[in-house]
């Protein structure tokens, strides 16, 4: 199963490095919100399109995790 990681605003994909080292799942991808934002507002549609781009048409299961520091 692929794991897709989304960083919070003010962070970047590398914010997940410490978490990725501890995951038993090695098939991970990060969504870069800066890249998504360049395509339009950060919202469900643009995030969904990015997940589709990462997963392609594989039909495999995936999980999405979000990191936000308050």
Protein backbone atom coordinates (compact mmCIF):
# COMPACT_ATOMS: atom_id res chain seq x y z
CA UNK A 1 0.00 0.00 0.00
CA UNK A 2 1.31 3.44 -0.94
CA UNK A 3 1.43 6.14 1.74
CA UNK A 4 0.96 9.75 0.60
CA UNK A 5 2.23 12.43 2.97
CA UNK A 6 1.02 16.05 2.93
CA UNK A 7 2.97 18.66 4.87
CA UNK A 8 1.32 21.63 6.57
CA UNK A 9 1.58 25.19 5.34
CA UNK A 10 4.93 26.70 6.30
CA UNK A 11 6.58 23.29 6.03
CA UNK A 12 7.94 21.29 3.14
CA UNK A 13 8.01 17.63 2.07
CA UNK A 14 11.28 17.07 3.94
CA UNK A 15 9.35 17.68 7.19
CA UNK A 16 8.34 14.01 6.92
CA UNK A 17 11.89 12.58 6.92
CA UNK A 18 11.94 11.57 10.62
CA UNK A 19 8.50 9.94 10.28
CA UNK A 20 9.46 8.08 7.08
CA UNK A 21 12.47 6.54 8.83
CA UNK A 22 10.13 4.93 11.38
CA UNK A 23 7.45 3.72 8.96
CA UNK A 24 7.34 0.04 8.10
CA UNK A 25 5.89 1.03 4.71
CA UNK A 26 8.59 2.14 2.29
CA UNK A 27 6.36 3.07 -0.66
CA UNK A 28 5.81 6.74 0.19
CA UNK A 29 5.31 9.95 -1.77
CA UNK A 30 5.01 13.52 -0.56
CA UNK A 31 2.65 16.15 -1.91
CA UNK A 32 4.37 19.50 -2.13
CA UNK A 33 1.73 22.14 -1.35
CA UNK A 34 3.81 24.84 -3.04
CA UNK A 35 3.54 22.93 -6.33
CA UNK A 36 -0.20 22.37 -5.80
CA UNK A 37 -0.67 26.06 -5.00
CA UNK A 38 1.06 27.00 -8.25
CA UNK A 39 -1.76 25.19 -10.09
CA UNK A 40 -4.50 27.13 -8.26
CA UNK A 41 -6.04 27.40 -4.79
CA UNK A 42 -5.16 24.66 -2.31
CA UNK A 43 -8.44 22.81 -2.05
CA UNK A 44 -9.93 19.38 -2.49
CA UNK A 45 -9.86 19.41 -6.30
CA UNK A 46 -6.18 20.33 -6.63
CA UNK A 47 -5.11 17.94 -3.85
CA UNK A 48 -7.16 15.15 -5.45
CA UNK A 49 -5.55 15.85 -8.82
CA UNK A 50 -2.09 15.62 -7.23
CA UNK A 51 -2.96 12.30 -5.53
CA UNK A 52 -4.17 10.99 -8.90
CA UNK A 53 -0.93 12.14 -10.51
CA UNK A 54 1.14 10.32 -7.86
CA UNK A 55 -0.91 7.11 -7.93
CA UNK A 56 -1.62 7.06 -11.63
CA UNK A 57 -4.15 4.46 -12.68
CA UNK A 58 -2.59 1.66 -10.68
CA UNK A 59 -5.75 0.83 -8.74
CA UNK A 60 -3.59 0.15 -5.67
CA UNK A 61 -4.81 1.10 -2.20
CA UNK A 62 -3.23 4.12 -0.52
CA UNK A 63 -3.38 6.11 2.71
CA UNK A 64 -3.03 9.87 3.04
CA UNK A 65 -1.50 11.53 6.12
CA UNK A 66 -1.30 15.23 6.88
CA UNK A 67 1.20 16.99 9.15
CA UNK A 68 0.21 20.31 10.71
CA UNK A 69 2.01 22.07 13.53
CA UNK A 70 -0.24 24.39 15.51
